[in-house]
Protein backbone atom coordinates (compact mmCIF):
# COMPACT_ATOMS: atom_id res chain seq x y z
CA MET A 1 176.41 -88.16 31.17
CA THR A 2 174.23 -86.61 28.46
CA ALA A 3 174.74 -83.09 27.07
CA ALA A 4 171.46 -82.01 28.73
CA ALA A 5 172.74 -83.16 32.14
CA ARG A 6 176.04 -81.39 31.74
CA ARG A 7 174.12 -78.20 30.85
CA GLY A 8 171.97 -78.63 33.96
CA GLU A 9 175.15 -78.61 36.13
CA ARG A 10 176.29 -75.32 34.84
CA THR A 11 175.21 -72.31 36.77
CA ARG A 12 172.97 -70.06 34.68
CA SER A 13 174.52 -66.74 33.64
CA VAL A 14 171.65 -64.84 35.34
CA ASP A 15 172.21 -66.71 38.58
CA VAL A 16 176.01 -65.91 38.56
CA GLN A 17 175.08 -62.18 37.94
CA ALA A 18 172.69 -62.21 40.83
CA ALA A 19 175.18 -64.01 43.02
CA LEU A 20 177.80 -61.28 42.32
CA GLU A 21 175.38 -58.45 42.88
CA GLU A 22 174.35 -59.99 46.27
CA ALA A 23 178.05 -60.45 47.14
CA ALA A 24 178.76 -56.77 46.31
CA HIS A 25 175.89 -55.90 48.60
CA ARG A 26 177.30 -58.01 51.54
CA VAL A 27 180.86 -56.69 51.14
CA LEU A 28 179.58 -53.11 51.05
CA LEU A 29 177.53 -53.56 54.30
CA ARG A 30 180.18 -55.58 56.12
CA GLU A 31 183.38 -53.70 55.26
CA GLY A 32 182.29 -50.34 53.55
CA PRO A 33 182.67 -48.87 50.04
CA GLY A 34 186.47 -49.15 50.04
CA ALA A 35 186.29 -52.94 50.25
CA VAL A 36 184.21 -53.39 47.22
CA THR A 37 186.71 -54.62 44.61
CA VAL A 38 186.45 -57.13 41.85
CA ARG A 39 188.64 -59.71 43.77
CA ALA A 40 186.81 -59.25 47.15
CA VAL A 41 183.35 -59.63 45.44
CA ALA A 42 184.36 -62.48 43.39
CA ALA A 43 185.72 -64.30 46.47
CA GLU A 44 182.54 -63.50 48.36
CA ALA A 45 180.44 -64.98 45.52
CA GLY A 46 182.75 -68.04 45.05
CA VAL A 47 183.63 -67.31 41.48
CA ALA A 48 186.77 -66.45 39.54
CA PRO A 49 187.50 -62.67 39.31
CA MET A 50 187.00 -62.94 35.54
CA GLY A 51 183.35 -63.78 36.25
CA VAL A 52 182.83 -60.20 37.32
CA TYR A 53 183.99 -59.04 33.84
CA ASN A 54 182.09 -61.71 32.04
CA HIS A 55 178.70 -61.08 33.89
CA LEU A 56 178.92 -57.43 35.03
CA GLY A 57 181.50 -55.93 32.77
CA GLY A 58 183.98 -55.19 35.64
CA LYS A 59 183.98 -53.00 38.55
CA ASP A 60 181.64 -50.42 36.99
CA GLY A 61 179.01 -53.11 36.88
CA LEU A 62 179.43 -53.87 40.61
CA VAL A 63 179.01 -50.14 41.42
CA ALA A 64 176.01 -49.79 39.09
CA SER A 65 174.29 -52.73 40.86
CA ILE A 66 174.96 -51.12 44.25
CA LEU A 67 173.63 -47.70 43.01
CA ILE A 68 170.53 -49.11 41.37
CA ARG A 69 169.70 -51.16 44.62
CA GLY A 70 170.22 -47.98 46.65
CA PHE A 71 168.10 -45.71 44.54
CA ASP A 72 165.35 -48.32 44.23
CA GLY A 73 165.31 -48.69 48.00
CA LEU A 74 165.08 -44.98 48.36
CA THR A 75 162.27 -44.73 45.76
CA ALA A 76 160.32 -47.44 47.67
CA ALA A 77 160.86 -45.75 51.02
CA ILE A 78 159.70 -42.29 49.94
CA SER A 79 156.89 -43.67 47.82
CA ALA A 80 155.40 -45.67 50.68
CA GLY A 81 152.14 -44.56 52.24
CA GLY A 82 149.76 -42.52 50.17
CA GLU A 83 148.48 -40.21 52.80
CA PRO A 84 145.47 -38.07 51.36
CA ASP A 85 146.57 -34.91 53.08
CA PRO A 86 149.36 -33.33 50.88
CA VAL A 87 151.17 -31.76 53.83
CA VAL A 88 151.19 -34.96 55.82
CA ARG A 89 152.27 -36.83 52.54
CA LEU A 90 155.27 -34.57 52.14
CA ARG A 91 156.24 -34.67 55.71
CA ARG A 92 156.11 -38.46 55.84
CA CYS A 93 158.16 -38.52 52.61
CA GLY A 94 160.81 -36.47 54.40
CA GLU A 95 160.67 -38.74 57.41
CA ARG A 96 161.19 -41.72 55.32
CA TYR A 97 164.06 -40.13 53.52
CA ARG A 98 165.86 -39.70 56.78
CA GLU A 99 164.96 -43.31 57.90
CA PHE A 100 166.40 -44.72 54.72
CA ALA A 101 169.62 -42.80 54.89
CA LEU A 102 170.23 -43.67 58.61
CA ALA A 103 169.43 -47.33 58.03
CA ASN A 104 171.58 -47.57 54.83
CA PRO A 105 174.56 -45.28 55.38
CA GLN A 106 176.95 -47.25 53.22
CA HIS A 107 174.53 -47.11 50.27
CA TYR A 108 173.80 -43.45 50.90
CA ALA A 109 177.59 -42.73 50.76
CA VAL A 110 177.88 -44.51 47.40
CA MET A 111 174.78 -42.76 46.04
CA PHE A 112 175.53 -39.26 47.10
CA GLU A 113 179.17 -38.87 48.26
CA ALA A 114 180.98 -40.71 45.40
CA ALA A 115 182.36 -43.29 47.82
CA LEU A 116 182.62 -45.57 44.84
CA LEU A 117 183.38 -44.16 41.45
CA MET A 118 182.42 -45.40 37.96
CA GLU A 119 184.70 -44.86 35.06
CA SER A 120 181.89 -44.46 32.66
CA PRO A 121 178.42 -43.05 33.24
CA SER A 122 175.49 -45.54 33.30
CA ALA A 123 172.09 -44.70 31.65
CA ASP A 124 170.57 -47.38 33.81
CA VAL A 125 171.84 -45.84 37.07
CA GLU A 126 170.59 -42.35 35.89
CA GLN A 127 167.16 -43.70 35.10
CA HIS A 128 166.85 -45.29 38.62
CA ALA A 129 168.24 -42.15 40.32
CA THR A 130 165.78 -39.97 38.35
CA ALA A 131 163.01 -42.25 39.40
CA ALA A 132 163.79 -41.51 43.11
CA PHE A 133 163.70 -37.79 42.55
CA MET A 134 160.46 -38.00 40.54
CA ALA A 135 158.85 -39.75 43.59
CA LEU A 136 159.33 -36.46 45.40
CA VAL A 137 158.23 -34.40 42.36
CA GLU A 138 154.99 -36.29 42.31
CA LYS A 139 154.25 -35.44 45.93
CA VAL A 140 154.93 -31.80 45.28
CA GLN A 141 152.63 -31.83 42.17
CA TYR A 142 149.98 -33.59 44.26
CA GLY A 143 150.02 -30.72 46.71
CA MET A 144 149.96 -28.09 44.06
CA ASP A 145 147.08 -29.70 42.20
CA ARG A 146 145.05 -29.57 45.40
CA GLY A 147 145.86 -26.04 46.22
CA ALA A 148 147.77 -26.93 49.44
CA PHE A 149 151.24 -25.82 47.96
CA ARG A 150 151.93 -22.59 46.26
CA PRO A 151 151.72 -22.89 42.56
CA GLY A 152 154.81 -23.13 40.45
CA ASP A 153 157.30 -25.50 38.90
CA ALA A 154 157.01 -28.74 40.82
CA VAL A 155 160.52 -29.89 39.74
CA GLU A 156 162.05 -26.63 40.94
CA LEU A 157 160.32 -26.77 44.29
CA ALA A 158 161.12 -30.52 44.68
CA GLN A 159 164.87 -29.69 44.03
CA GLN A 160 164.77 -27.12 46.74
CA ILE A 161 163.20 -29.43 49.20
CA TRP A 162 165.56 -32.27 48.40
CA SER A 163 168.56 -29.79 48.72
CA THR A 164 167.34 -28.92 52.20
CA VAL A 165 166.57 -32.55 53.58
CA HIS A 166 169.80 -34.01 51.91
CA GLY A 167 171.96 -31.35 53.67
CA ALA A 168 170.35 -32.10 57.06
CA VAL A 169 170.77 -35.83 56.60
CA ALA A 170 174.25 -35.53 55.32
CA LEU A 171 175.18 -33.49 58.37
CA GLU A 172 173.56 -36.09 60.74
CA LEU A 173 175.39 -38.96 59.08
CA LYS A 174 178.75 -37.13 59.63
CA GLY A 175 177.88 -36.44 63.28
CA LEU A 176 177.75 -32.75 62.69
CA VAL A 177 174.32 -31.90 64.04
CA LEU A 178 175.00 -29.64 67.07
CA THR A 179 171.56 -29.77 68.68
CA PRO A 180 170.86 -32.24 71.46
CA ASP A 181 168.11 -34.10 69.54
CA PRO A 182 168.75 -34.60 65.76
CA ALA A 183 165.38 -36.18 65.24
CA ALA A 184 163.55 -33.22 66.85
CA THR A 185 165.64 -30.85 64.84
CA TYR A 186 164.79 -32.64 61.66
CA ALA A 187 161.14 -32.67 62.52
CA GLU A 188 161.26 -29.00 63.01
CA LEU A 189 163.06 -28.73 59.57
CA LEU A 190 160.13 -30.57 57.98
CA GLU A 191 157.65 -28.21 59.59
CA LEU A 192 159.69 -25.24 58.28
CA ILE A 193 159.56 -26.71 54.71
CA ALA A 194 155.84 -27.27 55.05
CA ARG A 195 155.24 -23.67 55.96
CA GLY A 196 157.50 -22.56 53.18
CA VAL A 197 155.73 -24.42 50.51
CA ALA A 198 152.24 -23.83 51.79
CA ALA A 199 149.73 -21.85 49.52
CA GLY A 200 149.70 -18.36 50.90
CA GLY A 201 152.93 -18.79 52.85
CA ALA A 202 155.52 -16.22 53.19
CA GLU A 203 154.84 -14.65 49.73
CA GLY A 204 151.05 -14.60 50.45
CA ALA A 205 151.73 -13.09 53.94
CA GLY A 206 153.71 -10.34 52.42
CA ALA A 207 151.01 -9.57 49.87
CA GLY A 208 148.50 -9.55 52.73
CA ALA A 209 150.58 -7.16 54.87
CA ALA A 210 150.90 -4.91 51.79
CA ARG A 211 147.09 -4.95 51.36
CA SER A 212 146.53 -4.08 54.99
CA GLY A 213 149.00 -1.22 54.78
CA ARG A 214 147.17 0.20 51.72
CA ARG A 215 143.79 -0.09 53.54
CA ALA A 216 145.26 1.62 56.60
CA ALA A 217 146.62 4.46 54.46
CA LYS A 218 143.27 4.79 52.78
CA VAL A 219 141.52 5.05 56.06
CA SER A 220 143.89 7.63 57.61
CA ARG A 221 144.02 9.77 54.35
CA PRO A 222 142.37 13.13 55.08
CA ARG A 223 139.27 13.76 53.12
């Protein structure tokens, strides 16, 4: 057998890495975050445990691959569409956020509940996580640029929106929504957010009431 033939029999490093990442994904979905170990993933992929260290750097690499896959999936979900109406676009983003979380509870737990911990922070994971958040920021900025949302810091407003929908989704995943129809409750929450971010919302209404009061006082003031 020639050297070239022997090289052809060897599995390429990139293929082994992909096989391990897919194995980690399968173990997570089948058995949950607690089952994602170096030995379990190696066995699932059909390689020696040392392969996890050689190709992914150990368990941190497995967790990073799961996190990146999760954040990329979330980014794709909330970036879908492209509705021209800013309010509709933001509402659909919120709907798709919930849909992703309910369809991928294991990934969501790893992403946001530290169900799998990394010993060292990963710049790659941070980059992918930030991309998911920026997909929301872009929708907020889109609404501000078109005068549909009250002006301000798009990052700050996006953080407030995310905090709200994440809290609602986290409660639902834990079975802690006490209303009879969680989907309807969430839809009402999105409407509440839409009213809150709208240009001339509560702040504008308050200013309008103040102006009305001044006009009334002026009319009733004796001459």
